Amino acid sequence: MSINERLQMVIKMNDMTNAAFADKIGVQRSSISHVLAGRNKPSVDFIQKILKNFPKVDPGWLITGERVGKTSQEQNANVDKDLVESFSSSDKDLDGQIVGEPSELKSQTFEDKVSDEGPLIYGGKIIGKACKNNNSDQEDRKIDQIIVFYNDGTYETLSS
């Protein structure tokens, strides 16, 4: 996949037109057209503007097509406000039970609350499908990392 195709994918994933994308990142509309057509390659300044305005885009993926490092958002430790607001807009968890204070949450177990099947959804878009794994060799798996998002926009990473 070329950088032109990856750029087109970023535009589509954000439900934008080429003109709206150009306006958002602050470049001429013809620049977007020329890059997407393959006439020009994007400059470093052009790529920096994309990464500044779309912090969820992985810089390594945008430039090389491979996930090299963390996204701009992960590097700056920013949390997707829409995601946090969608969780904090309700006082109920996914099963409809009222969510308690953090001290109460620590004592609860969530073993049966995660579905083994169904769509994986991020930002209101289906990004994949979870699959049920009946392999008995998987029983030795342990949790490696948990990320906790707080309603004040901060988060904490808990590693084993």
N, C-alpha and C. Protein backbone atom coordinates (compact mmCIF):
# COMPACT_ATOMS: atom_id res chain seq x y z
N MET A 1 0.85 -1.17 0.00
CA MET A 1 0.00 0.00 0.00
C MET A 1 0.90 1.24 0.00
N SER A 2 0.63 2.15 -0.90
CA SER A 2 1.45 3.36 -1.01
C SER A 2 1.00 4.41 0.00
N ILE A 3 1.82 5.42 0.18
CA ILE A 3 1.47 6.49 1.11
C ILE A 3 0.23 7.22 0.63
N ASN A 4 0.03 7.27 -0.68
CA ASN A 4 -1.17 7.90 -1.24
C ASN A 4 -2.42 7.14 -0.79
N GLU A 5 -2.35 5.81 -0.83
CA GLU A 5 -3.48 4.98 -0.41
C GLU A 5 -3.72 5.09 1.10
N ARG A 6 -2.63 5.17 1.87
CA ARG A 6 -2.79 5.32 3.33
C ARG A 6 -3.41 6.67 3.65
N LEU A 7 -3.01 7.70 2.93
CA LEU A 7 -3.59 9.03 3.13
C LEU A 7 -5.08 9.01 2.79
N GLN A 8 -5.43 8.35 1.70
CA GLN A 8 -6.84 8.23 1.32
C GLN A 8 -7.61 7.48 2.40
N MET A 9 -6.99 6.48 3.02
CA MET A 9 -7.62 5.71 4.08
C MET A 9 -7.87 6.60 5.31
N VAL A 10 -6.92 7.47 5.64
CA VAL A 10 -7.09 8.39 6.78
C VAL A 10 -8.28 9.31 6.51
N ILE A 11 -8.38 9.80 5.28
CA ILE A 11 -9.49 10.69 4.92
C ILE A 11 -10.82 9.95 5.05
N LYS A 12 -10.89 8.72 4.54
CA LYS A 12 -12.14 7.95 4.61
C LYS A 12 -12.50 7.58 6.04
N MET A 13 -11.50 7.21 6.85
CA MET A 13 -11.77 6.80 8.23
C MET A 13 -12.33 7.96 9.06
N ASN A 14 -12.01 9.19 8.65
CA ASN A 14 -12.51 10.36 9.35
C ASN A 14 -13.74 10.95 8.68
N ASP A 15 -14.31 10.21 7.72
CA ASP A 15 -15.53 10.63 7.03
C ASP A 15 -15.44 12.06 6.51
N MET A 16 -14.35 12.36 5.82
CA MET A 16 -14.13 13.70 5.30
C MET A 16 -14.00 13.66 3.78
N THR A 17 -14.27 14.80 3.17
CA THR A 17 -13.97 14.95 1.76
C THR A 17 -12.51 15.39 1.65
N ASN A 18 -11.96 15.29 0.45
CA ASN A 18 -10.57 15.73 0.25
C ASN A 18 -10.44 17.22 0.57
N ALA A 19 -11.43 18.01 0.19
CA ALA A 19 -11.39 19.45 0.45
C ALA A 19 -11.45 19.75 1.95
N ALA A 20 -12.33 19.06 2.66
CA ALA A 20 -12.44 19.27 4.11
C ALA A 20 -11.16 18.85 4.82
N PHE A 21 -10.55 17.76 4.35
CA PHE A 21 -9.29 17.29 4.93
C PHE A 21 -8.20 18.34 4.72
N ALA A 22 -8.11 18.89 3.50
CA ALA A 22 -7.11 19.92 3.20
C ALA A 22 -7.31 21.13 4.10
N ASP A 23 -8.55 21.56 4.26
CA ASP A 23 -8.84 22.71 5.12
C ASP A 23 -8.46 22.42 6.57
N LYS A 24 -8.74 21.21 7.04
CA LYS A 24 -8.45 20.85 8.44
C LYS A 24 -6.95 20.87 8.72
N ILE A 25 -6.13 20.35 7.80
CA ILE A 25 -4.69 20.30 8.07
C ILE A 25 -3.98 21.57 7.61
N GLY A 26 -4.69 22.46 6.91
CA GLY A 26 -4.12 23.75 6.54
C GLY A 26 -3.23 23.73 5.31
N VAL A 27 -3.63 22.95 4.30
CA VAL A 27 -2.88 22.95 3.04
C VAL A 27 -3.86 23.28 1.91
N GLN A 28 -3.29 23.62 0.75
CA GLN A 28 -4.15 23.91 -0.39
C GLN A 28 -4.85 22.64 -0.84
N ARG A 29 -6.05 22.81 -1.33
CA ARG A 29 -6.82 21.65 -1.79
C ARG A 29 -6.12 20.94 -2.95
N SER A 30 -5.44 21.70 -3.77
CA SER A 30 -4.73 21.09 -4.90
C SER A 30 -3.59 20.19 -4.41
N SER A 31 -3.01 20.51 -3.26
CA SER A 31 -1.94 19.68 -2.71
C SER A 31 -2.45 18.27 -2.41
N ILE A 32 -3.63 18.19 -1.82
CA ILE A 32 -4.24 16.88 -1.53
C ILE A 32 -4.48 16.14 -2.83
N SER A 33 -5.05 16.83 -3.79
CA SER A 33 -5.36 16.21 -5.08
C SER A 33 -4.10 15.67 -5.75
N HIS A 34 -3.02 16.44 -5.73
CA HIS A 34 -1.77 16.03 -6.38
C HIS A 34 -1.13 14.84 -5.67
N VAL A 35 -1.18 14.83 -4.35
CA VAL A 35 -0.61 13.71 -3.59
C VAL A 35 -1.42 12.44 -3.83
N LEU A 36 -2.74 12.56 -3.77
CA LEU A 36 -3.59 11.38 -3.96
C LEU A 36 -3.49 10.83 -5.38
N ALA A 37 -3.25 11.70 -6.35
CA ALA A 37 -3.12 11.26 -7.74
C ALA A 37 -1.73 10.68 -8.02
N GLY A 38 -0.80 10.86 -7.09
CA GLY A 38 0.55 10.34 -7.28
C GLY A 38 1.47 11.31 -8.01
N ARG A 39 0.98 12.49 -8.30
CA ARG A 39 1.81 13.49 -9.00
C ARG A 39 2.93 14.00 -8.10
N ASN A 40 2.60 14.22 -6.83
CA ASN A 40 3.59 14.69 -5.85
C ASN A 40 3.64 13.71 -4.69
N LYS A 41 4.78 13.68 -4.03
CA LYS A 41 4.90 12.93 -2.77
C LYS A 41 4.68 13.94 -1.64
N PRO A 42 4.08 13.51 -0.54
CA PRO A 42 3.86 14.45 0.57
C PRO A 42 5.18 14.87 1.21
N SER A 43 5.28 16.15 1.54
CA SER A 43 6.48 16.68 2.19
C SER A 43 6.45 16.35 3.68
N VAL A 44 7.56 16.58 4.34
CA VAL A 44 7.63 16.37 5.80
C VAL A 44 6.64 17.30 6.49
N ASP A 45 6.56 18.54 6.03
CA ASP A 45 5.63 19.50 6.61
C ASP A 45 4.18 19.03 6.45
N PHE A 46 3.88 18.48 5.29
CA PHE A 46 2.55 17.95 4.99
C PHE A 46 2.20 16.82 5.97
N ILE A 47 3.13 15.90 6.16
CA ILE A 47 2.91 14.76 7.07
C ILE A 47 2.79 15.25 8.51
N GLN A 48 3.61 16.23 8.89
CA GLN A 48 3.52 16.77 10.25
C GLN A 48 2.16 17.39 10.52
N LYS A 49 1.61 18.06 9.52
CA LYS A 49 0.29 18.67 9.69
C LYS A 49 -0.79 17.60 9.86
N ILE A 50 -0.65 16.50 9.15
CA ILE A 50 -1.61 15.39 9.30
C ILE A 50 -1.53 14.84 10.72
N LEU A 51 -0.30 14.57 11.19
CA LEU A 51 -0.12 13.98 12.51
C LEU A 51 -0.56 14.92 13.63
N LYS A 52 -0.38 16.22 13.42
CA LYS A 52 -0.79 17.20 14.43
C LYS A 52 -2.32 17.25 14.54
N ASN A 53 -3.00 17.18 13.41
CA ASN A 53 -4.45 17.28 13.40
C ASN A 53 -5.17 15.96 13.61
N PHE A 54 -4.46 14.86 13.41
CA PHE A 54 -5.05 13.52 13.58
C PHE A 54 -4.11 12.69 14.46
N PRO A 55 -4.12 12.95 15.77
CA PRO A 55 -3.16 12.30 16.66
C PRO A 55 -3.33 10.79 16.79
N LYS A 56 -4.46 10.23 16.34
CA LYS A 56 -4.64 8.78 16.41
C LYS A 56 -3.91 8.05 15.29
N VAL A 57 -3.42 8.79 14.31
CA VAL A 57 -2.72 8.17 13.19
C VAL A 57 -1.30 7.80 13.62
N ASP A 58 -0.91 6.56 13.39
CA ASP A 58 0.44 6.08 13.71
C ASP A 58 1.41 6.65 12.68
N PRO A 59 2.40 7.45 13.12
CA PRO A 59 3.36 8.03 12.17
C PRO A 59 4.10 6.98 11.35
N GLY A 60 4.50 5.90 11.99
CA GLY A 60 5.21 4.84 11.27
C GLY A 60 4.35 4.21 10.20
N TRP A 61 3.08 3.99 10.52
CA TRP A 61 2.17 3.41 9.53
C TRP A 61 1.96 4.37 8.36
N LEU A 62 1.77 5.66 8.66
CA LEU A 62 1.51 6.63 7.61
C LEU A 62 2.69 6.73 6.65
N ILE A 63 3.91 6.71 7.18
CA ILE A 63 5.10 6.90 6.35
C ILE A 63 5.53 5.60 5.67
N THR A 64 5.61 4.51 6.42
CA THR A 64 6.17 3.27 5.86
C THR A 64 5.14 2.18 5.59
N GLY A 65 3.96 2.31 6.18
CA GLY A 65 2.95 1.27 6.02
C GLY A 65 3.02 0.21 7.09
N GLU A 66 3.95 0.34 8.02
CA GLU A 66 4.10 -0.61 9.11
C GLU A 66 3.98 0.13 10.43
N ARG A 67 3.39 -0.54 11.41
CA ARG A 67 3.30 0.07 12.73
C ARG A 67 4.67 -0.03 13.38
N VAL A 68 5.31 1.12 13.53
CA VAL A 68 6.67 1.17 14.06
C VAL A 68 6.65 1.52 15.54
N GLY A 69 5.92 2.53 15.89
CA GLY A 69 5.93 2.98 17.28
C GLY A 69 4.53 3.30 17.74
N LYS A 70 4.46 4.22 18.64
CA LYS A 70 3.18 4.64 19.18
C LYS A 70 2.64 5.78 18.33
N THR A 71 1.32 5.98 18.40
CA THR A 71 0.71 7.08 17.68
C THR A 71 1.08 8.38 18.38
N SER A 72 0.87 9.48 17.70
CA SER A 72 1.12 10.79 18.30
C SER A 72 0.34 10.93 19.59
N GLN A 73 -0.87 10.40 19.57
CA GLN A 73 -1.72 10.49 20.75
C GLN A 73 -1.12 9.69 21.91
N GLU A 74 -0.62 8.50 21.64
CA GLU A 74 -0.03 7.69 22.70
C GLU A 74 1.25 8.34 23.21
N GLN A 75 2.02 8.94 22.33
CA GLN A 75 3.26 9.56 22.74
C GLN A 75 3.00 10.76 23.64
N ASN A 76 1.96 11.49 23.38
CA ASN A 76 1.65 12.68 24.18
C ASN A 76 0.75 12.36 25.36
N ALA A 77 0.40 11.09 25.52
CA ALA A 77 -0.46 10.63 26.63
C ALA A 77 -1.80 11.35 26.65
N ASN A 78 -2.32 11.63 25.46
CA ASN A 78 -3.65 12.22 25.37
C ASN A 78 -4.67 11.11 25.26
N VAL A 79 -5.84 11.35 25.79
CA VAL A 79 -6.90 10.36 25.74
C VAL A 79 -7.96 10.85 24.75
N ASP A 80 -8.48 9.94 23.97
CA ASP A 80 -9.54 10.27 23.03
C ASP A 80 -10.76 10.73 23.83
N LYS A 81 -11.01 12.03 23.81
CA LYS A 81 -12.09 12.61 24.62
C LYS A 81 -13.45 12.02 24.28
N ASP A 82 -13.68 11.72 22.99
CA ASP A 82 -14.96 11.14 22.60
C ASP A 82 -15.17 9.79 23.26
N LEU A 83 -14.11 8.99 23.30
CA LEU A 83 -14.20 7.67 23.90
C LEU A 83 -14.49 7.78 25.40
N VAL A 84 -13.77 8.68 26.07
CA VAL A 84 -13.96 8.86 27.51
C VAL A 84 -15.37 9.36 27.78
N GLU A 85 -15.83 10.33 26.97
CA GLU A 85 -17.17 10.88 27.19
C GLU A 85 -18.25 9.82 26.95
N SER A 86 -18.02 8.95 25.98
CA SER A 86 -19.03 7.92 25.72
C SER A 86 -19.16 6.96 26.89
N PHE A 87 -18.06 6.70 27.59
CA PHE A 87 -18.13 5.83 28.76
C PHE A 87 -18.67 6.57 29.97
N SER A 88 -18.30 7.85 30.12
CA SER A 88 -18.72 8.59 31.31
C SER A 88 -20.13 9.14 31.17
N SER A 89 -20.71 9.08 29.96
CA SER A 89 -22.06 9.61 29.78
C SER A 89 -23.11 8.74 30.45
N SER A 90 -22.74 7.55 30.82
CA SER A 90 -23.69 6.65 31.46
C SER A 90 -23.12 6.18 32.79
N ASP A 91 -23.99 6.02 33.76
CA ASP A 91 -23.56 5.50 35.05
C ASP A 91 -23.73 3.99 35.12
N LYS A 92 -23.88 3.35 33.96
CA LYS A 92 -24.06 1.90 33.93
C LYS A 92 -22.98 1.27 33.08
N ASP A 93 -22.61 0.06 33.44
CA ASP A 93 -21.63 -0.66 32.62
C ASP A 93 -22.35 -1.34 31.47
N LEU A 94 -21.65 -2.15 30.70
CA LEU A 94 -22.22 -2.78 29.51
C LEU A 94 -23.36 -3.73 29.82
N ASP A 95 -23.42 -4.27 31.02
CA ASP A 95 -24.50 -5.19 31.39
C ASP A 95 -25.69 -4.45 31.99
N GLY A 96 -25.63 -3.12 32.08
CA GLY A 96 -26.75 -2.37 32.62
C GLY A 96 -26.72 -2.23 34.12
N GLN A 97 -25.67 -2.71 34.77
CA GLN A 97 -25.57 -2.59 36.21
C GLN A 97 -24.98 -1.23 36.56
N ILE A 98 -25.41 -0.68 37.68
CA ILE A 98 -24.90 0.62 38.09
C ILE A 98 -23.45 0.48 38.49
N VAL A 99 -22.64 1.42 37.99
CA VAL A 99 -21.22 1.39 38.26
C VAL A 99 -20.98 2.06 39.61
N GLY A 100 -20.16 1.44 40.44
CA GLY A 100 -19.89 1.97 41.77
C GLY A 100 -18.66 2.84 41.82
N GLU A 101 -18.30 3.22 43.02
CA GLU A 101 -17.09 4.00 43.24
C GLU A 101 -15.87 3.13 42.95
N PRO A 102 -14.70 3.73 42.70
CA PRO A 102 -13.51 2.94 42.40
C PRO A 102 -13.18 1.89 43.46
N SER A 103 -13.41 2.20 44.73
CA SER A 103 -13.10 1.21 45.77
C SER A 103 -14.00 -0.02 45.64
N GLU A 104 -15.25 0.20 45.21
CA GLU A 104 -16.15 -0.93 45.01
C GLU A 104 -15.75 -1.73 43.78
N LEU A 105 -15.27 -1.04 42.77
CA LEU A 105 -14.91 -1.71 41.53
C LEU A 105 -13.73 -2.65 41.72
N LYS A 106 -12.82 -2.31 42.61
CA LYS A 106 -11.65 -3.14 42.83
C LYS A 106 -12.04 -4.52 43.35
N SER A 107 -13.11 -4.59 44.12
CA SER A 107 -13.49 -5.86 44.72
C SER A 107 -14.35 -6.72 43.79
N GLN A 108 -14.82 -6.17 42.69
CA GLN A 108 -15.66 -6.94 41.78
C GLN A 108 -14.80 -7.77 40.84
N THR A 109 -15.36 -8.88 40.38
CA THR A 109 -14.69 -9.66 39.35
C THR A 109 -15.50 -9.52 38.07
N PHE A 110 -14.82 -9.49 36.95
CA PHE A 110 -15.48 -9.26 35.68
C PHE A 110 -15.28 -10.44 34.73
N GLU A 111 -15.09 -11.63 35.25
CA GLU A 111 -14.77 -12.78 34.42
C GLU A 111 -15.82 -13.05 33.36
N ASP A 112 -17.10 -12.96 33.72
CA ASP A 112 -18.16 -13.33 32.78
C ASP A 112 -18.79 -12.13 32.09
N LYS A 113 -18.21 -10.95 32.25
CA LYS A 113 -18.82 -9.76 31.69
C LYS A 113 -18.32 -9.43 30.29
N VAL A 114 -17.28 -10.10 29.82
CA VAL A 114 -16.72 -9.84 28.50
C VAL A 114 -17.21 -10.92 27.55
N SER A 115 -17.78 -10.49 26.45
CA SER A 115 -18.28 -11.45 25.46
C SER A 115 -17.13 -12.03 24.66
N ASP A 116 -17.19 -13.34 24.40
CA ASP A 116 -16.18 -13.99 23.59
C ASP A 116 -16.45 -13.83 22.11
N GLU A 117 -17.65 -13.44 21.77
CA GLU A 117 -18.02 -13.30 20.37
C GLU A 117 -18.70 -11.96 20.16
N GLY A 118 -18.69 -11.50 18.93
CA GLY A 118 -19.37 -10.25 18.59
C GLY A 118 -18.39 -9.25 18.02
N PRO A 119 -18.90 -8.10 17.58
CA PRO A 119 -18.03 -7.12 16.94
C PRO A 119 -17.17 -6.36 17.94
N LEU A 120 -15.98 -5.95 17.50
CA LEU A 120 -15.14 -5.05 18.26
C LEU A 120 -15.44 -3.65 17.76
N ILE A 121 -15.81 -2.75 18.65
CA ILE A 121 -16.23 -1.41 18.24
C ILE A 121 -15.31 -0.39 18.88
N TYR A 122 -14.83 0.56 18.06
CA TYR A 122 -14.00 1.66 18.56
C TYR A 122 -14.50 2.93 17.91
N GLY A 123 -14.82 3.92 18.71
CA GLY A 123 -15.29 5.19 18.18
C GLY A 123 -16.57 5.07 17.36
N GLY A 124 -17.41 4.10 17.71
CA GLY A 124 -18.66 3.92 17.01
C GLY A 124 -18.55 3.15 15.71
N LYS A 125 -17.34 2.67 15.37
CA LYS A 125 -17.14 1.93 14.14
C LYS A 125 -16.73 0.50 14.46
N ILE A 126 -17.25 -0.44 13.69
CA ILE A 126 -16.87 -1.84 13.87
C ILE A 126 -15.49 -2.02 13.26
N ILE A 127 -14.52 -2.46 14.07
CA ILE A 127 -13.15 -2.60 13.57
C ILE A 127 -12.69 -4.05 13.51
N GLY A 128 -13.50 -4.97 13.93
CA GLY A 128 -13.11 -6.37 13.88
C GLY A 128 -14.14 -7.22 14.60
N LYS A 129 -13.82 -8.48 14.75
CA LYS A 129 -14.73 -9.40 15.42
C LYS A 129 -13.94 -10.26 16.40
N ALA A 130 -14.41 -10.31 17.63
CA ALA A 130 -13.79 -11.19 18.61
C ALA A 130 -14.21 -12.61 18.30
N CYS A 131 -13.33 -13.54 18.56
CA CYS A 131 -13.69 -14.93 18.29
C CYS A 131 -13.52 -15.74 19.56
N LYS A 132 -14.37 -16.73 19.69
CA LYS A 132 -14.32 -17.61 20.85
C LYS A 132 -13.19 -18.61 20.63
N ASN A 133 -12.33 -18.76 21.62
CA ASN A 133 -11.19 -19.64 21.48
C ASN A 133 -11.35 -20.79 22.47
N ASN A 134 -11.59 -21.98 21.97
CA ASN A 134 -11.80 -23.14 22.83
C ASN A 134 -10.53 -23.95 23.04
N ASN A 135 -9.39 -23.44 22.65
CA ASN A 135 -8.13 -24.16 22.75
C ASN A 135 -7.72 -24.27 24.22
N SER A 136 -7.55 -25.49 24.72
CA SER A 136 -7.20 -25.68 26.13
C SER A 136 -5.79 -25.21 26.44
N ASP A 137 -4.94 -25.05 25.41
CA ASP A 137 -3.58 -24.55 25.64
C ASP A 137 -3.60 -23.08 26.06
N GLN A 138 -4.69 -22.40 25.81
CA GLN A 138 -4.79 -20.98 26.11
C GLN A 138 -5.04 -20.72 27.59
N GLU A 139 -5.29 -21.75 28.38
CA GLU A 139 -5.62 -21.57 29.79
C GLU A 139 -4.46 -20.98 30.59
N ASP A 140 -3.24 -21.08 30.10
CA ASP A 140 -2.09 -20.55 30.81
C ASP A 140 -1.88 -19.06 30.55
N ARG A 141 -2.74 -18.46 29.75
CA ARG A 141 -2.59 -17.03 29.45
C ARG A 141 -2.88 -16.21 30.69
N LYS A 142 -2.16 -15.09 30.82
CA LYS A 142 -2.37 -14.18 31.93
C LYS A 142 -2.49 -12.77 31.38
N ILE A 143 -3.11 -11.91 32.12
CA ILE A 143 -3.27 -10.52 31.71
C ILE A 143 -1.91 -9.85 31.76
N ASP A 144 -1.56 -9.15 30.69
CA ASP A 144 -0.28 -8.46 30.58
C ASP A 144 -0.42 -6.99 30.94
N GLN A 145 -1.53 -6.37 30.51
CA GLN A 145 -1.68 -4.94 30.71
C GLN A 145 -3.16 -4.57 30.76
N ILE A 146 -3.50 -3.63 31.65
CA ILE A 146 -4.86 -3.10 31.74
C ILE A 146 -4.74 -1.58 31.72
N ILE A 147 -5.58 -0.94 30.92
CA ILE A 147 -5.59 0.52 30.86
C ILE A 147 -6.91 0.99 31.46
N VAL A 148 -6.82 1.87 32.47
CA VAL A 148 -7.99 2.40 33.16
C VAL A 148 -8.15 3.86 32.76
N PHE A 149 -9.33 4.22 32.22
CA PHE A 149 -9.62 5.59 31.84
C PHE A 149 -10.47 6.23 32.92
N TYR A 150 -10.07 7.43 33.38
CA TYR A 150 -10.81 8.15 34.41
C TYR A 150 -11.64 9.25 33.76
N ASN A 151 -12.70 9.68 34.47
CA ASN A 151 -13.60 10.67 33.90
C ASN A 151 -12.98 12.07 33.79
N ASP A 152 -11.82 12.31 34.39
CA ASP A 152 -11.17 13.61 34.25
C ASP A 152 -10.24 13.66 33.04
N GLY A 153 -10.28 12.63 32.19
CA GLY A 153 -9.48 12.64 30.97
C GLY A 153 -8.11 12.01 31.14
N THR A 154 -7.77 11.53 32.32
CA THR A 154 -6.48 10.89 32.53
C THR A 154 -6.65 9.38 32.45
N TYR A 155 -5.53 8.69 32.37
CA TYR A 155 -5.59 7.24 32.37
C TYR A 155 -4.38 6.68 33.09
N GLU A 156 -4.46 5.42 33.43
CA GLU A 156 -3.39 4.73 34.14
C GLU A 156 -3.20 3.36 33.50
N THR A 157 -1.95 3.00 33.28
CA THR A 157 -1.63 1.70 32.71
C THR A 157 -1.13 0.79 33.82
N LEU A 158 -1.78 -0.35 33.99
CA LEU A 158 -1.39 -1.32 35.00
C LEU A 158 -0.77 -2.50 34.29
N SER A 159 0.50 -2.77 34.59
CA SER A 159 1.21 -3.87 33.95
C SER A 159 1.55 -4.93 34.98
N SER A 160 1.62 -6.17 34.51
CA SER A 160 1.94 -7.26 35.43
C SER A 160 3.43 -7.35 35.65
